[in-house]
Amino acid sequence: MYVDTVRTWRGRFADGGLPALADRKRSGRPARFTSVQVAEAKALACQLPAETGVPLARWSCPELAAELTSRGVTDTVSASTVRRWLRQDVLKPWQFQSWIFIRDPDFRANAQRVLDLYARTYEGEPLGGDEYVVSSDEKTSIQARCRCHPALAPGRARAMRVNHTYGRGGAVAYLAAYDAHRTKVFGRCEVTTGIAPFMALVEQVMTTEPYASARPVFWIVDNGSSHREKKAIDRLTKAFPNAVMARTPVHAPWTNQVEIFFSIVQRKVVSPNDFTHLPQVRDRLRAFEGRYNAAAQPFQWKVHHLRPGRSAGPARPTHNCRPNQESSIALTA
């Protein structure tokens, strides 16, 4: 504290005693809104509009300001003022997140089996060197959107430009099998999905080494129609006796690692969809497989098991869909 400041306060105390040390009346405009009005604005922001009879899906600051005025909470208030109030408690009612409520009664057991396989464990025993884990699924309807004008390459202070108008050049289904530990992808393009295309993918993998002579090859699949129910297991085992099917929990495709590969394909190969014809889709997908297999590394997933009695909310992985990226999955007890 500066000497002049101390001298000023000593002088005020000498002149008026303790009352002279109280804050003096400050200049400036007095506060327009009371703390009660601010609290009512925040309380309204924490309610769903439908619950208040307002035909909106989400609140925005202008809508909140208008609602506060119509309710008589304030005479008038600006959207920027409401935004400043909400920022104090990090309230963002215009945003939302989706979530999935676990409906599979066997979720923990099914998820545990799949996640253990990623950790090279099956039924409590470590996998051997001749045992493999393959994650497979289908990416449906990859369209060839033939743009009416060629895409423009990026330039200085300019992003790549893609013409909005396009003609439909057809679509293909992309089936992929991802070796979770060898980081090798087997893919194929089909006209549609179904039992026959899926079994063709299985044959493509299982007739090559080291899978053909391996002990078990675990196939992680979702609950799609081409690999659902016991007859799908029987069909797989009959065609390849060393293949073992492991299904992900119902409504939990994020436990299937090939979905991460599909998200990479969507971002790096398909989007912004500047194909000139349908064969180009197939050619680019095949070329990307070779590029990916030459450089990618396994996804490093960390599995966190919650102790009994902890939260039973939905379990989900967090990842940004990049190779080498660590992800985490929380299994609810």
Protein backbone atom coordinates (compact mmCIF):
# COMPACT_ATOMS: atom_id res chain seq x y z
CA MET A 1 0.00 0.00 0.00
CA TYR A 2 1.30 3.44 -0.92
CA VAL A 3 2.25 5.98 1.75
CA ASP A 4 -0.20 8.56 0.33
CA THR A 5 -3.05 6.08 0.59
CA VAL A 6 -2.27 5.35 4.22
CA ARG A 7 -2.01 9.07 4.94
CA THR A 8 -5.45 9.64 3.33
CA TRP A 9 -7.17 6.98 5.41
CA ARG A 10 -5.50 8.19 8.60
CA GLY A 11 -6.72 11.69 7.89
CA ARG A 12 -10.30 10.50 7.28
CA PHE A 13 -10.25 8.55 10.54
CA ALA A 14 -8.89 11.55 12.44
CA ASP A 15 -11.65 13.76 11.07
CA GLY A 16 -14.66 11.45 11.46
CA GLY A 17 -13.67 8.27 13.31
CA LEU A 18 -14.82 4.84 12.17
CA PRO A 19 -17.93 6.09 10.26
CA ALA A 20 -15.59 8.10 8.01
CA LEU A 21 -13.96 4.86 6.80
CA ALA A 22 -17.20 3.60 5.21
CA ASP A 23 -17.54 3.71 1.44
CA ARG A 24 -18.68 7.05 0.18
CA LYS A 25 -21.46 7.42 -2.35
CA ARG A 26 -20.11 6.50 -5.73
CA SER A 27 -20.79 8.23 -9.00
CA GLY A 28 -22.38 6.48 -11.96
CA ARG A 29 -25.75 5.05 -12.86
CA PRO A 30 -27.42 2.94 -10.15
CA ALA A 31 -28.16 -0.71 -10.84
CA ARG A 32 -31.24 -1.16 -13.03
CA PHE A 33 -31.99 -4.75 -12.01
CA THR A 34 -32.26 -6.31 -8.61
CA SER A 35 -30.67 -9.56 -7.57
CA VAL A 36 -34.14 -11.12 -7.49
CA GLN A 37 -34.73 -10.24 -11.14
CA VAL A 38 -31.38 -11.75 -12.11
CA ALA A 39 -32.20 -14.91 -10.15
CA GLU A 40 -35.60 -15.20 -11.87
CA ALA A 41 -33.93 -14.90 -15.27
CA LYS A 42 -31.50 -17.69 -14.43
CA ALA A 43 -34.30 -19.86 -13.04
CA LEU A 44 -36.27 -19.44 -16.27
CA ALA A 45 -33.20 -20.37 -18.32
CA CYS A 46 -32.94 -23.61 -16.32
CA GLN A 47 -36.46 -24.67 -17.35
CA LEU A 48 -37.45 -26.30 -20.63
CA PRO A 49 -39.54 -23.87 -22.69
CA ALA A 50 -42.24 -26.52 -23.17
CA GLU A 51 -42.65 -26.75 -19.40
CA THR A 52 -43.48 -23.05 -19.27
CA GLY A 53 -46.00 -23.17 -22.12
CA VAL A 54 -43.68 -21.49 -24.64
CA PRO A 55 -43.63 -23.21 -28.09
CA LEU A 56 -39.84 -23.37 -28.32
CA ALA A 57 -37.36 -26.22 -28.21
CA ARG A 58 -34.56 -24.20 -26.62
CA TRP A 59 -34.11 -20.80 -25.06
CA SER A 60 -32.04 -18.12 -26.72
CA CYS A 61 -31.03 -14.87 -25.05
CA PRO A 62 -33.46 -12.76 -27.14
CA GLU A 63 -36.28 -15.20 -26.36
CA LEU A 64 -35.45 -15.13 -22.65
CA ALA A 65 -35.37 -11.34 -22.66
CA ALA A 66 -38.77 -11.21 -24.37
CA GLU A 67 -40.24 -13.77 -21.95
CA LEU A 68 -38.97 -11.89 -18.90
CA THR A 69 -40.61 -8.73 -20.19
CA SER A 70 -43.90 -10.45 -21.01
CA ARG A 71 -44.04 -11.98 -17.55
CA GLY A 72 -43.52 -8.63 -15.91
CA VAL A 73 -40.24 -9.66 -14.28
CA THR A 74 -38.60 -6.60 -15.86
CA ASP A 75 -39.92 -3.59 -17.73
CA THR A 76 -37.37 -4.15 -20.46
CA VAL A 77 -34.06 -5.98 -20.74
CA SER A 78 -31.67 -6.56 -23.61
CA ALA A 79 -30.45 -9.92 -24.87
CA SER A 80 -26.85 -8.91 -24.12
CA THR A 81 -27.75 -8.25 -20.48
CA VAL A 82 -29.39 -11.66 -20.19
CA ARG A 83 -26.32 -13.22 -21.79
CA ARG A 84 -24.10 -11.52 -19.22
CA TRP A 85 -26.26 -12.84 -16.37
CA LEU A 86 -26.14 -16.39 -17.70
CA ARG A 87 -22.39 -16.20 -18.22
CA GLN A 88 -21.93 -15.72 -14.48
CA ASP A 89 -23.12 -19.32 -13.89
CA VAL A 90 -21.97 -20.72 -17.26
CA LEU A 91 -25.58 -21.31 -18.32
CA LYS A 92 -26.10 -22.05 -22.03
CA PRO A 93 -29.72 -23.09 -22.54
CA TRP A 94 -29.37 -22.83 -26.32
CA GLN A 95 -27.02 -25.83 -26.31
CA PHE A 96 -27.96 -29.47 -25.83
CA GLN A 97 -26.31 -32.88 -25.67
CA SER A 98 -27.86 -36.19 -26.63
CA TRP A 99 -27.46 -39.31 -24.53
CA ILE A 100 -28.56 -42.94 -24.60
CA PHE A 101 -30.29 -44.69 -21.77
CA ILE A 102 -29.03 -48.27 -21.49
CA ARG A 103 -31.87 -50.64 -22.36
CA ASP A 104 -29.91 -53.85 -22.80
CA PRO A 105 -30.41 -55.91 -19.61
CA ASP A 106 -27.15 -57.71 -20.40
CA PHE A 107 -25.25 -54.54 -21.21
CA ARG A 108 -22.44 -55.04 -18.71
CA ALA A 109 -21.77 -58.67 -19.67
CA ASN A 110 -21.86 -57.98 -23.42
CA ALA A 111 -19.76 -54.84 -23.16
CA GLN A 112 -17.30 -56.57 -20.84
CA ARG A 113 -16.77 -59.36 -23.37
CA VAL A 114 -16.06 -56.93 -26.19
CA LEU A 115 -13.81 -54.64 -24.16
CA ASP A 116 -11.88 -57.57 -22.77
CA LEU A 117 -11.18 -58.71 -26.32
CA TYR A 118 -9.71 -55.28 -27.10
CA ALA A 119 -7.49 -55.81 -24.06
CA ARG A 120 -6.54 -59.26 -25.46
CA THR A 121 -8.48 -61.19 -22.83
CA TYR A 122 -11.32 -63.69 -23.22
CA GLU A 123 -13.20 -65.29 -20.34
CA GLY A 124 -10.48 -64.23 -17.95
CA GLU A 125 -7.62 -65.72 -19.98
CA PRO A 126 -5.13 -63.76 -22.09
CA LEU A 127 -5.27 -64.33 -25.83
CA GLY A 128 -2.48 -66.25 -27.45
CA GLY A 129 -0.31 -65.09 -30.29
CA ASP A 130 -2.43 -67.00 -32.81
CA GLU A 131 -5.74 -65.50 -31.66
CA TYR A 132 -7.10 -62.40 -33.36
CA VAL A 133 -9.85 -59.83 -32.79
CA VAL A 134 -11.64 -58.40 -35.82
CA SER A 135 -14.17 -55.55 -35.53
CA SER A 136 -16.57 -55.35 -38.46
CA ASP A 137 -19.58 -53.38 -39.64
CA GLU A 138 -21.16 -51.74 -42.69
CA LYS A 139 -21.25 -48.08 -43.72
CA THR A 140 -24.34 -47.75 -45.85
CA SER A 141 -25.13 -45.46 -48.75
CA ILE A 142 -21.91 -43.63 -49.59
CA GLN A 143 -23.15 -41.42 -52.40
CA ALA A 144 -21.33 -40.08 -55.40
CA ARG A 145 -22.49 -36.48 -55.49
CA CYS A 146 -21.37 -35.27 -58.88
CA ARG A 147 -20.92 -31.53 -58.49
CA CYS A 148 -22.11 -29.33 -61.34
CA HIS A 149 -18.81 -27.41 -61.16
CA PRO A 150 -15.37 -28.71 -60.12
CA ALA A 151 -14.19 -28.00 -56.58
CA LEU A 152 -11.80 -25.08 -56.20
CA ALA A 153 -8.52 -25.68 -54.38
CA PRO A 154 -7.82 -23.63 -51.23
CA GLY A 155 -5.84 -20.44 -51.56
CA ARG A 156 -4.54 -17.61 -49.48
CA ALA A 157 -7.19 -16.71 -46.86
CA ARG A 158 -9.65 -18.96 -48.71
CA ALA A 159 -10.95 -22.41 -47.88
CA MET A 160 -11.59 -25.08 -50.48
CA ARG A 161 -14.84 -24.34 -52.26
CA VAL A 162 -17.31 -27.04 -53.24
CA ASN A 163 -20.29 -26.29 -55.43
CA HIS A 164 -23.59 -26.80 -53.64
CA THR A 165 -25.52 -28.16 -56.64
CA TYR A 166 -24.90 -31.78 -57.55
CA GLY A 167 -26.36 -34.73 -59.40
CA ARG A 168 -26.77 -38.12 -57.77
CA GLY A 169 -24.37 -40.64 -59.25
CA GLY A 170 -25.50 -43.63 -57.19
CA ALA A 171 -24.35 -45.05 -53.89
CA VAL A 172 -22.39 -48.00 -52.51
CA ALA A 173 -22.25 -49.79 -49.19
CA TYR A 174 -18.80 -50.04 -47.64
CA LEU A 175 -18.09 -53.07 -45.47
CA ALA A 176 -14.93 -53.15 -43.38
CA ALA A 177 -13.21 -55.52 -40.98
CA TYR A 178 -10.63 -53.97 -38.65
CA ASP A 179 -8.01 -56.07 -36.89
CA ALA A 180 -7.95 -54.35 -33.52
CA HIS A 181 -4.36 -55.31 -32.69
CA ARG A 182 -2.59 -55.61 -36.05
CA THR A 183 -4.22 -52.37 -37.32
CA LYS A 184 -5.13 -53.86 -40.66
CA VAL A 185 -8.34 -53.03 -42.48
CA PHE A 186 -10.10 -55.27 -44.98
CA GLY A 187 -12.79 -53.48 -46.96
CA ARG A 188 -15.12 -54.10 -49.84
CA CYS A 189 -17.83 -52.17 -51.67
CA GLU A 190 -21.20 -53.76 -52.32
CA VAL A 191 -24.44 -52.63 -53.90
CA THR A 192 -26.23 -53.15 -50.60
CA THR A 193 -25.78 -54.69 -47.17
CA GLY A 194 -27.11 -58.03 -45.97
CA ILE A 195 -26.12 -61.58 -45.15
CA ALA A 196 -24.38 -62.32 -48.46
CA PRO A 197 -22.19 -59.16 -48.48
CA PHE A 198 -21.26 -59.70 -44.83
CA MET A 199 -20.30 -63.34 -45.42
CA ALA A 200 -18.27 -62.22 -48.43
CA LEU A 201 -16.32 -59.90 -46.13
CA VAL A 202 -15.81 -62.73 -43.65
CA GLU A 203 -14.53 -64.97 -46.43
CA GLN A 204 -12.21 -62.22 -47.66
CA VAL A 205 -10.58 -62.12 -44.22
CA MET A 206 -10.74 -65.76 -43.16
CA THR A 207 -9.20 -67.13 -46.36
CA THR A 208 -6.02 -65.09 -45.85
CA GLU A 209 -3.22 -65.68 -43.37
CA PRO A 210 -2.81 -65.56 -40.45
CA TYR A 211 -6.59 -65.84 -39.95
CA ALA A 212 -7.06 -69.00 -42.02
CA SER A 213 -4.81 -71.06 -39.76
CA ALA A 214 -5.45 -69.16 -36.53
CA ARG A 215 -7.06 -70.78 -33.52
CA PRO A 216 -10.08 -68.57 -32.84
CA VAL A 217 -10.72 -65.33 -34.71
CA PHE A 218 -13.17 -63.23 -32.71
CA TRP A 219 -15.57 -61.24 -34.86
CA ILE A 220 -17.04 -58.24 -33.04
CA VAL A 221 -20.32 -57.23 -34.67
CA ASP A 222 -23.35 -55.14 -33.77
CA ASN A 223 -26.96 -56.33 -33.71
CA GLY A 224 -27.71 -55.63 -37.36
CA SER A 225 -29.95 -57.92 -39.38
CA SER A 226 -27.04 -59.63 -41.18
CA HIS A 227 -25.53 -60.94 -37.92
CA ARG A 228 -28.42 -61.19 -35.50
CA GLU A 229 -29.69 -64.13 -33.45
CA LYS A 230 -28.23 -67.59 -33.07
CA LYS A 231 -28.58 -68.55 -36.75
CA ALA A 232 -26.00 -65.88 -37.60
CA ILE A 233 -23.55 -67.49 -35.17
CA ASP A 234 -24.28 -70.92 -36.65
CA ARG A 235 -23.83 -69.60 -40.19
CA LEU A 236 -20.45 -68.07 -39.31
CA THR A 237 -19.21 -71.17 -37.46
CA LYS A 238 -20.35 -73.50 -40.24
CA ALA A 239 -18.45 -71.53 -42.86
CA PHE A 240 -15.35 -71.03 -40.67
CA PRO A 241 -15.10 -73.22 -37.57
CA ASN A 242 -12.34 -71.06 -36.07
CA ALA A 243 -14.51 -67.91 -36.14
CA VAL A 244 -16.23 -66.78 -32.92
CA MET A 245 -18.90 -64.07 -32.99
CA ALA A 246 -19.06 -61.50 -30.18
CA ARG A 247 -21.92 -59.02 -30.32
CA THR A 248 -21.85 -55.52 -28.89
CA PRO A 249 -24.63 -54.51 -26.48
CA VAL A 250 -27.91 -53.35 -27.99
CA HIS A 251 -27.83 -49.66 -28.97
CA ALA A 252 -24.12 -49.44 -28.19
CA PRO A 253 -22.36 -49.34 -31.58
CA TRP A 254 -19.66 -47.11 -30.06
CA THR A 255 -18.16 -50.25 -28.47
CA ASN A 256 -17.31 -51.43 -32.00
CA GLN A 257 -13.89 -50.04 -32.89
CA VAL A 258 -14.51 -50.17 -36.63
CA GLU A 259 -16.93 -47.26 -36.09
CA ILE A 260 -13.90 -45.10 -35.31
CA PHE A 261 -12.37 -46.16 -38.62
CA PHE A 262 -15.63 -45.29 -40.38
CA SER A 263 -15.56 -41.82 -38.83
CA ILE A 264 -12.03 -41.38 -40.20
CA VAL A 265 -13.25 -42.49 -43.62
CA GLN A 266 -16.11 -40.01 -43.45
CA ARG A 267 -13.82 -37.14 -42.56
CA LYS A 268 -10.83 -37.91 -44.76
CA VAL A 269 -12.29 -39.77 -47.75
CA VAL A 270 -15.98 -38.98 -48.21
CA SER A 271 -16.46 -35.41 -47.01
CA PRO A 272 -17.03 -33.01 -48.76
CA ASN A 273 -18.06 -35.61 -51.34
CA ASP A 274 -16.56 -34.26 -54.55
CA PHE A 275 -16.71 -37.50 -56.55
CA THR A 276 -17.29 -37.27 -60.28
CA HIS A 277 -18.72 -40.80 -60.71
CA LEU A 278 -19.50 -43.87 -58.63
CA PRO A 279 -16.39 -45.94 -59.55
CA GLN A 280 -14.31 -43.12 -58.12
CA VAL A 281 -15.87 -43.80 -54.72
CA ARG A 282 -14.70 -47.41 -54.84
CA ASP A 283 -11.24 -46.47 -56.11
CA ARG A 284 -10.68 -43.86 -53.41
CA LEU A 285 -11.84 -46.20 -50.63
CA ARG A 286 -9.49 -48.95 -51.83
CA ALA A 287 -6.59 -46.51 -52.12
CA PHE A 288 -7.26 -45.15 -48.64
CA GLU A 289 -7.19 -48.67 -47.16
CA GLY A 290 -3.63 -49.11 -48.39
CA ARG A 291 -2.63 -45.70 -47.11
CA TYR A 292 -4.22 -46.36 -43.72
CA ASN A 293 -2.72 -49.84 -43.31
CA ALA A 294 0.75 -48.50 -44.02
CA ALA A 295 0.77 -45.85 -41.30
CA ALA A 296 -1.96 -46.40 -38.68
CA GLN A 297 -1.46 -47.64 -35.13
CA PRO A 298 -3.97 -49.45 -32.89
CA PHE A 299 -6.54 -47.41 -31.02
CA GLN A 300 -5.48 -47.22 -27.37
CA TRP A 301 -8.64 -47.65 -25.31
CA LYS A 302 -8.56 -47.30 -21.54
CA VAL A 303 -11.36 -49.08 -19.73
CA HIS A 304 -12.42 -47.69 -16.36
CA HIS A 305 -14.61 -49.89 -14.18
CA LEU A 306 -16.80 -48.06 -11.70
CA ARG A 307 -17.08 -49.44 -8.22
CA PRO A 308 -20.42 -50.93 -7.12
CA GLY A 309 -22.80 -48.28 -5.94
CA ARG A 310 -21.46 -45.60 -8.27
CA SER A 311 -23.48 -43.74 -10.88
CA ALA A 312 -25.53 -45.89 -13.25
CA GLY A 313 -25.72 -43.35 -16.05
CA PRO A 314 -25.03 -44.23 -19.68
CA ALA A 315 -21.55 -45.48 -20.52
CA ARG A 316 -19.83 -44.03 -23.55
CA PRO A 317 -16.34 -43.71 -25.05
CA THR A 318 -14.66 -40.38 -25.57
CA HIS A 319 -12.43 -40.06 -28.60
CA ASN A 320 -11.83 -37.75 -31.52
CA CYS A 321 -11.69 -40.54 -34.09
CA ARG A 322 -7.98 -40.32 -34.77
CA PRO A 323 -5.49 -43.18 -34.94
CA ASN A 324 -3.29 -43.39 -31.83
CA GLN A 325 -5.91 -41.46 -29.86
CA GLU A 326 -6.58 -42.81 -26.39
CA SER A 327 -10.21 -43.34 -25.54
CA SER A 328 -11.96 -44.18 -22.31
CA ILE A 329 -15.04 -46.21 -21.54
CA ALA A 330 -16.81 -46.25 -18.21
CA LEU A 331 -18.81 -49.38 -17.40
CA THR A 332 -21.57 -48.73 -14.93
CA ALA A 333 -21.97 -51.06 -12.02
